[in-house]
N, C-alpha and C. Protein backbone atom coordinates (compact mmCIF):
# COMPACT_ATOMS: atom_id res chain seq x y z
N MET A 1 156.45 -15.10 234.13
CA MET A 1 154.82 -14.33 232.85
C MET A 1 153.83 -14.67 233.87
N SER A 2 152.81 -13.49 233.84
CA SER A 2 151.81 -13.63 234.90
C SER A 2 151.08 -14.40 233.68
N ALA A 3 150.21 -14.40 234.73
CA ALA A 3 148.62 -15.30 233.93
C ALA A 3 147.89 -14.67 233.66
N PRO A 4 147.01 -15.27 232.35
CA PRO A 4 145.88 -14.25 232.17
C PRO A 4 145.27 -13.70 232.90
N SER A 5 144.80 -12.60 232.33
CA SER A 5 143.26 -11.33 233.14
C SER A 5 142.17 -12.48 233.23
N PRO A 6 141.56 -12.35 234.19
CA PRO A 6 140.07 -13.51 234.43
C PRO A 6 139.57 -13.33 233.44
N ALA A 7 138.63 -14.40 232.87
CA ALA A 7 137.20 -13.95 231.96
C ALA A 7 136.67 -13.47 232.17
N PRO A 8 136.12 -12.33 230.57
CA PRO A 8 134.41 -12.03 231.46
C PRO A 8 133.85 -12.37 231.26
N ARG A 9 132.67 -12.12 232.05
CA ARG A 9 131.42 -12.89 231.98
C ARG A 9 131.05 -13.39 230.34
N PRO A 10 130.54 -14.99 230.89
CA PRO A 10 130.22 -15.27 229.09
C PRO A 10 129.31 -15.22 229.02
N PRO A 11 129.29 -14.59 227.57
CA PRO A 11 127.99 -14.29 226.62
C PRO A 11 126.44 -15.44 227.19
N ARG A 12 125.43 -14.71 226.36
CA ARG A 12 123.98 -16.11 226.46
C ARG A 12 124.16 -16.52 225.65
N ARG A 13 123.96 -18.05 225.73
CA ARG A 13 123.87 -18.70 224.13
C ARG A 13 125.04 -19.08 223.18
N GLY A 14 126.50 -18.10 223.40
CA GLY A 14 127.18 -18.27 222.86
C GLY A 14 127.72 -17.33 222.25
N HIS A 15 126.73 -15.61 222.18
CA HIS A 15 126.66 -14.60 221.89
C HIS A 15 127.30 -13.72 222.73
N LEU A 16 128.17 -13.16 221.28
CA LEU A 16 129.24 -11.57 222.02
C LEU A 16 128.22 -10.61 221.79
N VAL A 17 127.96 -9.88 222.27
CA VAL A 17 126.89 -8.53 222.03
C VAL A 17 127.55 -7.33 222.28
N GLY A 18 127.41 -6.30 221.15
CA GLY A 18 128.12 -5.42 221.13
C GLY A 18 126.78 -4.62 221.24
N PRO A 19 127.21 -2.80 221.20
CA PRO A 19 125.65 -2.05 220.50
C PRO A 19 125.37 -1.91 219.30
N HIS A 20 125.59 -1.99 218.46
CA HIS A 20 125.25 -2.50 216.60
C HIS A 20 125.54 -3.86 216.20
N VAL A 21 126.48 -4.48 216.44
CA VAL A 21 126.14 -5.38 216.45
C VAL A 21 126.58 -6.99 217.01
N SER A 22 125.77 -8.10 217.20
CA SER A 22 126.44 -9.41 217.62
C SER A 22 126.60 -10.54 217.09
N LEU A 23 128.01 -11.39 217.66
CA LEU A 23 128.83 -12.47 216.93
C LEU A 23 127.74 -13.85 217.18
N ARG A 24 127.81 -14.29 216.71
CA ARG A 24 127.12 -16.09 216.55
C ARG A 24 127.72 -16.85 215.96
N PRO A 25 127.73 -18.17 216.19
CA PRO A 25 128.49 -18.79 216.32
C PRO A 25 127.77 -19.43 215.27
N PRO A 26 128.16 -19.84 213.76
CA PRO A 26 127.18 -19.93 212.60
C PRO A 26 126.75 -20.99 212.97
N ALA A 27 125.29 -21.54 212.84
CA ALA A 27 124.44 -22.63 212.98
C ALA A 27 124.37 -23.25 211.39
N PRO A 28 123.46 -24.73 211.76
CA PRO A 28 123.44 -25.57 210.47
C PRO A 28 122.40 -24.00 209.74
N GLU A 29 121.12 -23.29 209.73
CA GLU A 29 120.69 -22.77 208.45
C GLU A 29 121.22 -21.85 208.21
N ASP A 30 122.84 -21.37 208.93
CA ASP A 30 123.45 -20.74 208.00
C ASP A 30 124.36 -21.06 206.84
N LEU A 31 124.19 -22.33 206.68
CA LEU A 31 125.26 -23.12 205.74
C LEU A 31 125.26 -22.46 203.73
N PRO A 32 123.63 -22.58 203.85
CA PRO A 32 123.98 -21.70 202.07
C PRO A 32 124.32 -20.13 202.22
N LEU A 33 123.66 -19.36 203.27
CA LEU A 33 124.51 -18.33 203.44
C LEU A 33 126.02 -18.02 203.21
N LEU A 34 126.61 -18.79 204.41
CA LEU A 34 127.98 -18.63 203.96
C LEU A 34 128.55 -18.92 203.08
N PHE A 35 128.07 -20.56 202.88
CA PHE A 35 128.66 -21.06 201.10
C PHE A 35 128.86 -19.81 200.28
N ARG A 36 127.58 -19.04 199.76
CA ARG A 36 126.79 -18.59 199.20
C ARG A 36 128.43 -17.21 199.29
N TRP A 37 127.96 -16.84 200.02
CA TRP A 37 128.90 -15.08 200.82
C TRP A 37 130.46 -15.53 200.39
N LEU A 38 131.18 -17.09 200.41
CA LEU A 38 132.53 -17.20 200.56
C LEU A 38 132.89 -18.05 199.11
N ASN A 39 131.91 -17.52 198.16
CA ASN A 39 132.24 -18.23 196.85
C ASN A 39 131.41 -16.92 196.09
N ASP A 40 131.68 -15.81 196.62
CA ASP A 40 131.16 -14.29 195.90
C ASP A 40 132.31 -13.93 196.32
N PRO A 41 133.69 -13.40 194.64
CA PRO A 41 134.63 -12.55 195.12
C PRO A 41 134.21 -11.16 195.47
N GLU A 42 132.76 -10.34 195.24
CA GLU A 42 132.47 -9.23 195.76
C GLU A 42 132.47 -9.83 196.76
N ALA A 43 131.89 -10.41 197.73
CA ALA A 43 131.96 -11.25 199.46
C ALA A 43 133.62 -10.56 199.91
N VAL A 44 133.77 -11.36 199.56
CA VAL A 44 135.94 -11.77 200.27
C VAL A 44 136.49 -11.63 199.37
N ALA A 45 136.93 -10.62 198.06
CA ALA A 45 137.75 -9.93 197.34
C ALA A 45 137.57 -8.36 197.89
N PRO A 46 138.39 -8.06 197.15
CA PRO A 46 139.65 -8.10 196.41
C PRO A 46 140.82 -7.82 196.71
N PHE A 47 141.26 -8.29 198.81
CA PHE A 47 141.87 -7.94 199.41
C PHE A 47 142.50 -9.39 200.09
N ASP A 48 141.97 -10.46 199.61
CA ASP A 48 142.53 -11.65 200.17
C ASP A 48 142.37 -12.62 198.85
N ARG A 49 142.95 -14.18 199.27
CA ARG A 49 142.90 -14.62 198.46
C ARG A 49 141.53 -15.21 198.43
N PHE A 50 141.17 -15.88 196.67
CA PHE A 50 140.27 -16.22 196.66
C PHE A 50 139.54 -17.12 196.06
N GLU A 51 139.49 -18.97 196.83
CA GLU A 51 139.01 -20.08 196.65
C GLU A 51 137.72 -20.61 196.48
N VAL A 52 137.23 -21.31 195.89
CA VAL A 52 135.46 -21.83 195.21
C VAL A 52 136.50 -23.04 196.25
N ASP A 53 135.25 -23.73 197.29
CA ASP A 53 135.31 -24.50 197.98
C ASP A 53 133.45 -24.79 198.47
N SER A 54 133.30 -26.40 198.03
CA SER A 54 132.80 -27.44 198.41
C SER A 54 131.73 -26.56 199.24
N PHE A 55 130.21 -26.76 199.10
CA PHE A 55 129.72 -27.64 200.15
C PHE A 55 129.86 -28.03 201.23
N GLN A 56 130.01 -29.40 200.72
CA GLN A 56 130.14 -30.76 201.52
C GLN A 56 131.76 -29.76 202.36
N GLY A 57 132.45 -29.47 201.33
CA GLY A 57 133.74 -28.51 202.13
C GLY A 57 133.45 -27.89 203.55
N LEU A 58 132.50 -27.14 203.26
CA LEU A 58 132.55 -25.69 204.38
C LEU A 58 131.31 -26.68 205.29
N GLU A 59 130.63 -27.58 205.23
CA GLU A 59 130.12 -28.20 206.23
C GLU A 59 131.13 -28.63 207.42
N ASP A 60 132.11 -29.37 206.91
CA ASP A 60 133.08 -30.27 206.98
C ASP A 60 133.99 -29.57 207.85
N SER A 61 134.69 -28.18 207.56
CA SER A 61 135.38 -27.46 207.90
C SER A 61 134.62 -26.52 209.30
N LEU A 62 133.17 -26.10 208.95
CA LEU A 62 132.72 -25.63 209.98
C LEU A 62 131.98 -26.50 211.14
N ARG A 63 132.28 -27.32 210.92
CA ARG A 63 132.19 -29.06 211.99
C ARG A 63 133.17 -29.21 212.39
N THR A 64 134.81 -29.61 211.81
CA THR A 64 136.03 -29.26 212.70
C THR A 64 136.76 -28.11 212.83
N ALA A 65 136.24 -27.00 212.87
CA ALA A 65 137.27 -25.69 213.59
C ALA A 65 136.97 -26.28 214.87
N PRO A 66 136.00 -26.08 215.83
CA PRO A 66 136.03 -25.99 217.30
C PRO A 66 137.31 -27.19 218.21
N GLY A 67 138.10 -28.10 217.27
CA GLY A 67 139.22 -28.85 217.33
C GLY A 67 140.27 -28.39 217.04
N ASP A 68 140.11 -27.67 216.14
CA ASP A 68 141.31 -27.14 214.97
C ASP A 68 141.85 -25.64 215.19
N ALA A 69 143.20 -25.62 216.46
CA ALA A 69 143.27 -24.45 216.48
C ALA A 69 144.20 -23.70 214.91
N ARG A 70 143.99 -24.36 214.02
CA ARG A 70 144.44 -23.47 212.88
C ARG A 70 143.70 -23.81 211.60
N SER A 71 142.61 -23.76 211.63
CA SER A 71 141.20 -23.70 210.91
C SER A 71 141.10 -22.10 210.65
N LEU A 72 140.97 -22.52 209.34
CA LEU A 72 140.68 -21.05 208.75
C LEU A 72 138.52 -20.39 208.62
N ALA A 73 138.03 -21.53 208.87
CA ALA A 73 136.41 -20.98 209.09
C ALA A 73 136.33 -20.55 209.87
N PRO A 74 135.16 -19.63 209.24
CA PRO A 74 134.29 -19.13 210.18
C PRO A 74 134.32 -19.62 211.33
N ARG A 75 134.32 -18.65 212.11
CA ARG A 75 133.97 -19.06 213.66
C ARG A 75 132.74 -18.25 214.58
N PHE A 76 132.63 -17.27 213.94
CA PHE A 76 130.70 -16.27 214.07
C PHE A 76 130.53 -15.83 212.78
N VAL A 77 128.53 -15.31 213.38
CA VAL A 77 128.63 -14.55 211.89
C VAL A 77 128.05 -13.51 212.58
N ILE A 78 128.79 -12.45 211.69
CA ILE A 78 128.25 -10.43 212.39
C ILE A 78 127.04 -10.69 212.44
N VAL A 79 125.79 -10.08 213.47
CA VAL A 79 124.40 -9.91 213.33
C VAL A 79 123.73 -8.79 213.38
N ARG A 80 123.67 -8.01 212.76
CA ARG A 80 122.98 -6.16 212.63
C ARG A 80 122.06 -5.94 213.96
N ARG A 81 122.21 -5.74 215.11
CA ARG A 81 121.09 -6.22 216.01
C ARG A 81 119.64 -5.33 215.79
N THR A 82 119.78 -3.92 215.12
CA THR A 82 118.69 -3.39 214.89
C THR A 82 117.99 -4.39 214.21
N ASP A 83 118.33 -5.43 212.96
CA ASP A 83 117.04 -6.38 212.79
C ASP A 83 117.22 -7.96 212.78
N SER A 84 118.50 -7.98 212.98
CA SER A 84 118.98 -9.26 213.30
C SER A 84 119.51 -9.98 211.78
N ALA A 85 119.69 -9.35 210.86
CA ALA A 85 120.50 -9.75 209.69
C ALA A 85 121.74 -10.22 210.04
N ALA A 86 122.15 -10.80 209.43
CA ALA A 86 124.03 -11.73 209.18
C ALA A 86 124.41 -10.70 208.12
N ILE A 87 125.82 -10.04 208.13
CA ILE A 87 126.33 -9.29 207.26
C ILE A 87 128.00 -9.25 206.97
N GLY A 88 128.63 -10.48 207.94
CA GLY A 88 129.22 -10.45 207.91
C GLY A 88 130.27 -11.86 208.89
N LEU A 89 131.23 -11.93 208.36
CA LEU A 89 131.98 -13.16 209.28
C LEU A 89 133.54 -12.83 209.76
N VAL A 90 133.57 -13.64 210.50
CA VAL A 90 134.79 -13.50 211.16
C VAL A 90 135.54 -14.46 212.60
N GLY A 91 136.51 -14.78 211.98
CA GLY A 91 137.49 -16.14 212.41
C GLY A 91 138.47 -15.20 213.12
N TYR A 92 139.34 -16.73 213.88
CA TYR A 92 140.35 -16.36 214.68
C TYR A 92 140.83 -18.18 214.36
N TYR A 93 142.43 -18.07 214.26
CA TYR A 93 143.43 -19.39 213.76
C TYR A 93 144.74 -18.99 214.48
N ARG A 94 145.06 -20.33 214.90
CA ARG A 94 146.88 -20.02 214.72
C ARG A 94 147.62 -20.24 213.85
N ALA A 95 148.26 -18.87 213.60
CA ALA A 95 148.87 -18.88 212.59
C ALA A 95 150.23 -19.34 212.75
N HIS A 96 151.06 -20.10 213.21
CA HIS A 96 152.50 -20.11 213.92
C HIS A 96 152.57 -21.32 214.28
N ASN A 97 152.96 -22.56 214.73
CA ASN A 97 153.52 -23.08 215.08
C ASN A 97 153.92 -23.16 216.61
N ALA A 98 155.16 -22.35 215.97
CA ALA A 98 156.31 -21.75 217.41
C ALA A 98 156.04 -20.44 217.92
N LEU A 99 155.22 -19.83 217.48
CA LEU A 99 154.20 -18.61 218.14
C LEU A 99 153.54 -18.51 219.00
N ASP A 100 153.25 -18.08 220.56
CA ASP A 100 152.36 -17.99 221.27
C ASP A 100 150.85 -16.52 221.08
N THR A 101 150.37 -17.13 220.00
CA THR A 101 149.72 -15.81 218.85
C THR A 101 148.61 -16.07 218.29
N ILE A 102 147.37 -15.78 217.98
CA ILE A 102 146.16 -16.18 217.04
C ILE A 102 146.23 -14.43 216.52
N ASP A 103 145.81 -14.88 215.00
CA ASP A 103 145.64 -14.30 214.61
C ASP A 103 144.16 -14.26 213.94
N LEU A 104 143.17 -13.09 214.01
CA LEU A 104 142.21 -12.60 213.02
C LEU A 104 142.08 -12.51 212.20
N TRP A 105 140.54 -12.80 211.29
CA TRP A 105 140.14 -12.52 210.38
C TRP A 105 139.30 -11.54 210.48
N TYR A 106 138.51 -11.27 209.31
CA TYR A 106 137.18 -10.65 209.05
C TYR A 106 136.54 -10.39 207.22
N ALA A 107 135.24 -9.87 207.69
CA ALA A 107 134.81 -9.60 206.65
C ALA A 107 133.26 -9.24 206.65
N ILE A 108 132.69 -7.55 206.39
CA ILE A 108 132.09 -7.59 206.35
C ILE A 108 131.25 -8.37 204.51
N CYS A 109 130.40 -9.59 204.60
CA CYS A 109 129.92 -9.54 203.17
C CYS A 109 128.34 -8.69 202.18
N LEU A 110 128.58 -7.79 203.10
CA LEU A 110 127.70 -7.03 202.16
C LEU A 110 128.12 -5.62 201.90
N PRO A 111 128.03 -5.94 200.41
CA PRO A 111 129.32 -4.58 200.49
C PRO A 111 128.85 -2.86 200.94
N ALA A 112 126.78 -2.87 201.09
CA ALA A 112 126.64 -1.69 201.20
C ALA A 112 126.98 -1.54 203.06
N GLU A 113 127.34 -2.57 203.40
CA GLU A 113 127.34 -2.00 204.82
C GLU A 113 128.61 -2.37 205.59
N ARG A 114 129.82 -1.78 204.35
CA ARG A 114 131.08 -1.17 205.11
C ARG A 114 130.99 -0.50 205.06
N GLY A 115 132.01 0.59 206.37
CA GLY A 115 132.08 1.99 205.91
C GLY A 115 131.29 2.03 207.63
N LYS A 116 130.73 1.58 207.86
CA LYS A 116 129.18 2.32 208.92
C LYS A 116 129.98 1.77 210.01
N GLY A 117 130.85 1.74 210.03
CA GLY A 117 131.22 0.77 211.72
C GLY A 117 131.21 -0.38 212.33
N TYR A 118 130.55 -1.35 211.37
CA TYR A 118 129.78 -2.86 212.56
C TYR A 118 131.19 -3.83 212.10
N GLY A 119 132.18 -3.55 211.24
CA GLY A 119 133.56 -3.73 211.55
C GLY A 119 134.53 -4.10 212.62
N SER A 120 134.80 -2.59 212.88
CA SER A 120 135.35 -2.31 213.77
C SER A 120 135.27 -3.14 215.22
N GLU A 121 133.57 -2.63 215.19
CA GLU A 121 133.18 -3.42 216.57
C GLU A 121 132.78 -4.34 216.48
N ALA A 122 132.90 -5.83 215.44
CA ALA A 122 132.83 -7.16 215.35
C ALA A 122 134.38 -7.05 215.32
N VAL A 123 134.97 -6.42 215.33
CA VAL A 123 136.75 -7.02 215.66
C VAL A 123 136.80 -6.30 217.05
N GLY A 124 136.55 -6.31 217.78
CA GLY A 124 136.60 -5.58 218.81
C GLY A 124 136.40 -6.66 219.69
N LEU A 125 135.08 -7.53 219.78
CA LEU A 125 134.31 -8.29 220.57
C LEU A 125 135.17 -9.64 219.79
N LEU A 126 134.88 -9.72 219.11
CA LEU A 126 136.67 -10.90 218.27
C LEU A 126 137.72 -10.73 219.64
N THR A 127 138.10 -9.45 219.31
CA THR A 127 139.63 -9.51 219.99
C THR A 127 139.21 -10.05 221.43
N ASP A 128 138.43 -9.12 221.99
CA ASP A 128 138.13 -9.86 224.29
C ASP A 128 137.63 -10.96 223.69
N TYR A 129 137.62 -11.78 223.09
CA TYR A 129 137.21 -12.61 223.07
C TYR A 129 138.48 -13.56 223.39
N VAL A 130 138.60 -13.81 221.89
CA VAL A 130 140.82 -14.51 222.50
C VAL A 130 141.12 -14.09 223.22
N PHE A 131 140.91 -13.48 223.45
CA PHE A 131 142.14 -12.55 224.98
C PHE A 131 141.87 -13.75 226.62
N SER A 132 140.44 -13.17 226.14
CA SER A 132 139.55 -13.80 227.59
C SER A 132 139.62 -15.58 227.23
N GLN A 133 139.85 -16.31 226.25
CA GLN A 133 139.78 -17.51 226.85
C GLN A 133 140.65 -18.15 226.02
N GLN A 134 142.00 -17.11 225.50
CA GLN A 134 143.30 -18.47 225.06
C GLN A 134 144.20 -18.00 226.55
N THR A 135 145.96 -18.20 225.73
CA THR A 135 146.49 -17.35 227.06
C THR A 135 147.04 -17.08 226.30
N VAL A 136 146.94 -16.30 225.21
CA VAL A 136 147.97 -15.58 224.29
C VAL A 136 148.24 -14.42 224.65
N GLY A 137 149.95 -13.99 224.18
CA GLY A 137 149.80 -12.41 224.51
C GLY A 137 150.28 -12.08 223.90
N ARG A 138 149.42 -11.84 223.01
CA ARG A 138 149.54 -11.09 221.41
C ARG A 138 148.24 -11.73 220.56
N VAL A 139 147.67 -10.80 219.67
CA VAL A 139 146.27 -11.31 218.68
C VAL A 139 146.48 -10.34 217.69
N GLY A 140 147.25 -10.47 216.70
CA GLY A 140 147.49 -10.13 215.54
C GLY A 140 146.32 -10.06 214.05
N ALA A 141 147.20 -9.57 213.17
CA ALA A 141 146.12 -9.90 212.23
C ALA A 141 147.06 -8.91 210.65
N VAL A 142 146.85 -10.05 209.77
CA VAL A 142 147.87 -9.70 208.20
C VAL A 142 146.51 -9.07 207.51
N VAL A 143 147.19 -7.99 206.87
CA VAL A 143 146.53 -6.76 205.32
C VAL A 143 146.86 -7.02 204.54
N ASP A 144 146.17 -7.07 203.15
CA ASP A 144 146.90 -6.11 202.01
C ASP A 144 147.20 -4.93 202.54
N VAL A 145 148.52 -4.58 201.75
CA VAL A 145 149.02 -3.33 202.07
C VAL A 145 147.97 -2.26 201.04
N GLY A 146 147.23 -2.77 200.18
CA GLY A 146 145.86 -2.33 199.53
C GLY A 146 145.25 -1.99 200.49
N ASN A 147 144.65 -2.44 200.79
CA ASN A 147 143.32 -1.98 201.78
C ASN A 147 143.55 -0.70 203.26
N PRO A 148 143.65 0.38 202.67
CA PRO A 148 143.86 1.18 203.85
C PRO A 148 142.95 1.60 205.14
N ALA A 149 140.93 1.43 204.32
CA ALA A 149 140.05 0.66 205.10
C ALA A 149 140.11 -0.25 206.24
N SER A 150 140.99 -1.36 206.31
CA SER A 150 141.63 -2.63 206.92
C SER A 150 142.36 -2.22 208.30
N PHE A 151 143.25 -1.24 207.49
CA PHE A 151 144.36 -0.37 208.22
C PHE A 151 143.79 0.26 209.08
N ARG A 152 142.92 1.36 208.82
CA ARG A 152 141.71 2.23 210.21
C ARG A 152 141.46 1.12 210.87
N LEU A 153 140.72 0.46 210.72
CA LEU A 153 139.75 -0.76 211.60
C LEU A 153 140.92 -0.99 212.24
N LEU A 154 141.51 -1.48 212.60
CA LEU A 154 142.33 -1.89 213.29
C LEU A 154 142.79 -1.63 214.12
N GLU A 155 143.48 -0.18 214.07
CA GLU A 155 144.32 1.12 215.10
C GLU A 155 143.21 1.39 215.45
N ARG A 156 142.13 1.23 214.86
CA ARG A 156 140.83 2.13 215.95
C ARG A 156 140.53 1.79 217.32
N ILE A 157 140.84 0.02 216.70
CA ILE A 157 140.59 -0.70 218.45
C ILE A 157 141.58 -0.93 218.98
N GLY A 158 142.73 -0.39 218.93
CA GLY A 158 144.32 -0.43 219.81
C GLY A 158 145.77 -1.45 218.83
N PHE A 159 145.26 -2.22 217.67
CA PHE A 159 145.83 -2.46 217.06
C PHE A 159 146.99 -1.38 216.50
N ALA A 160 148.43 -2.05 216.38
CA ALA A 160 149.52 -1.74 216.10
C ALA A 160 150.43 -2.00 214.33
N ARG A 161 151.17 -1.12 213.80
CA ARG A 161 151.56 -2.07 212.36
C ARG A 161 153.32 -1.78 213.14
N GLU A 162 152.96 -3.64 212.80
CA GLU A 162 154.72 -4.17 213.46
C GLU A 162 155.26 -4.26 212.15
N GLY A 163 154.93 -4.24 210.99
CA GLY A 163 155.76 -4.17 209.80
C GLY A 163 155.24 -4.43 208.79
N THR A 164 155.93 -5.24 207.50
CA THR A 164 155.04 -5.62 206.42
C THR A 164 156.24 -6.66 205.44
N LEU A 165 155.18 -7.87 205.10
CA LEU A 165 155.26 -9.01 204.68
C LEU A 165 155.44 -8.58 203.50
N ARG A 166 156.60 -8.61 202.58
CA ARG A 166 156.65 -8.70 201.15
C ARG A 166 156.59 -9.80 200.52
N GLN A 167 155.62 -9.66 199.52
CA GLN A 167 155.65 -11.04 198.68
C GLN A 167 154.51 -12.31 199.34
N ALA A 168 153.85 -12.05 200.17
CA ALA A 168 153.46 -12.79 200.87
C ALA A 168 152.12 -13.75 200.68
N ILE A 169 151.45 -13.13 200.19
CA ILE A 169 150.15 -13.16 199.69
C ILE A 169 149.48 -13.57 198.37
N PHE A 170 149.22 -14.28 197.44
CA PHE A 170 149.35 -14.31 195.60
C PHE A 170 147.65 -14.39 195.58
N HIS A 171 147.10 -13.44 195.12
CA HIS A 171 145.60 -13.15 194.47
C HIS A 171 145.86 -12.58 193.26
N HIS A 172 144.73 -12.90 192.54
CA HIS A 172 144.75 -12.13 191.66
C HIS A 172 145.46 -12.29 190.98
N GLY A 173 146.09 -13.08 190.47
CA GLY A 173 146.98 -12.77 189.32
C GLY A 173 148.15 -12.41 189.54
N THR A 174 148.39 -12.06 191.15
CA THR A 174 150.11 -11.60 191.57
C THR A 174 150.12 -11.66 192.94
N TRP A 175 151.49 -11.51 193.28
CA TRP A 175 152.08 -11.02 195.14
C TRP A 175 151.36 -9.85 195.49
N HIS A 176 150.99 -10.09 196.83
CA HIS A 176 151.32 -8.97 197.60
C HIS A 176 151.27 -8.73 198.67
N ASP A 177 151.70 -7.64 199.28
CA ASP A 177 152.55 -7.34 200.09
C ASP A 177 151.69 -7.29 202.00
N VAL A 178 151.56 -7.33 202.57
CA VAL A 178 150.20 -7.64 204.33
C VAL A 178 151.93 -6.62 204.86
N GLY A 179 150.24 -5.92 205.13
CA GLY A 179 150.87 -5.54 206.68
C GLY A 179 150.37 -5.67 207.90
N VAL A 180 151.17 -6.08 208.72
CA VAL A 180 151.48 -7.53 210.33
C VAL A 180 150.88 -6.05 211.30
N TYR A 181 149.67 -6.96 211.85
CA TYR A 181 149.28 -5.64 213.23
C TYR A 181 149.30 -6.71 213.65
N GLY A 182 149.70 -5.99 215.33
CA GLY A 182 149.10 -6.52 217.13
C GLY A 182 149.00 -6.03 217.57
N LEU A 183 148.22 -6.39 218.76
CA LEU A 183 147.69 -5.93 219.84
C LEU A 183 148.18 -7.22 220.80
N THR A 184 149.30 -6.43 222.39
CA THR A 184 149.20 -7.31 223.58
C THR A 184 148.96 -7.62 223.80
N ARG A 185 148.53 -8.59 224.98
CA ARG A 185 147.31 -8.85 226.34
C ARG A 185 147.24 -7.37 227.03
N ALA A 186 149.22 -6.74 227.33
CA ALA A 186 148.83 -5.98 228.34
C ALA A 186 148.15 -4.43 227.54
N GLU A 187 148.18 -4.58 226.07
CA GLU A 187 147.86 -2.87 225.60
C GLU A 187 146.14 -3.35 225.97
N TRP A 188 145.65 -4.75 225.62
CA TRP A 188 144.02 -5.02 225.33
C TRP A 188 144.03 -4.13 226.36
N GLU A 189 144.59 -4.29 227.63
CA GLU A 189 144.08 -4.66 229.40
C GLU A 189 144.63 -2.91 228.95
N ARG A 190 144.89 -2.38 229.01
CA ARG A 190 144.67 -1.01 228.92
C ARG A 190 144.10 -0.22 228.20
N VAL A 191 143.26 -0.23 227.24
CA VAL A 191 142.26 0.21 225.99
C VAL A 191 141.32 -0.64 226.41
N ARG A 192 140.39 -1.77 226.77
CA ARG A 192 139.15 -2.64 226.76
C ARG A 192 138.57 -1.60 227.80
N PRO A 193 137.49 -1.72 227.57
CA PRO A 193 136.29 -1.26 228.60
C PRO A 193 135.86 -1.39 229.47
N ALA A 194 135.56 -0.80 230.51
CA ALA A 194 135.57 -1.32 232.35
C ALA A 194 134.63 -2.12 232.26
N GLU A 195 134.38 -3.77 232.59
CA GLU A 195 133.40 -4.11 233.09
C GLU A 195 132.15 -3.78 233.74
N GLY A 196 131.14 -3.85 233.83
CA GLY A 196 130.28 -3.56 234.80
C GLY A 196 130.03 -4.48 235.46
N PRO A 197 128.87 -4.09 236.54
CA PRO A 197 128.82 -4.82 238.04
C PRO A 197 128.50 -6.27 237.66
């Protein structure tokens, strides 16, 4: 097995910066906004499980997430660079104990900001971060089969459809199939932008 590629230069103050969005770790002052988003079906549904959480539960999950590879807590807030407005959330987690892979999740929580390319850019930044910080050979994502916009987002940044898990998630009163997407380290190294000097 070859050694992982060298990590890119670390982002300033924990931020990952792209042309239109940046990702920053959640701060204590973000808690009311994150709580509102994560408890708003318009922000996180209709293509995912929706569970109301307590404010204390969210606070606890954000505090313990850095030491918990399986945590589904938001790892970064997506910020629009033109005005520093928070527009969504992204996360990553180790989905399988026996597999060397990390799965991503993402949500543009303001419906008016969807379809503008912010999600693709944010997921690209997160993918780069995970590959540069983790010794995994693959980064993946699972997407409800009824969400073609999410399929296109992943495919735009190089992920390939690997299959379908039938009846894999229960939400909105019924079982749903999910598409399985993945990007290997070798594929990521071929498609990632060249680093500057």
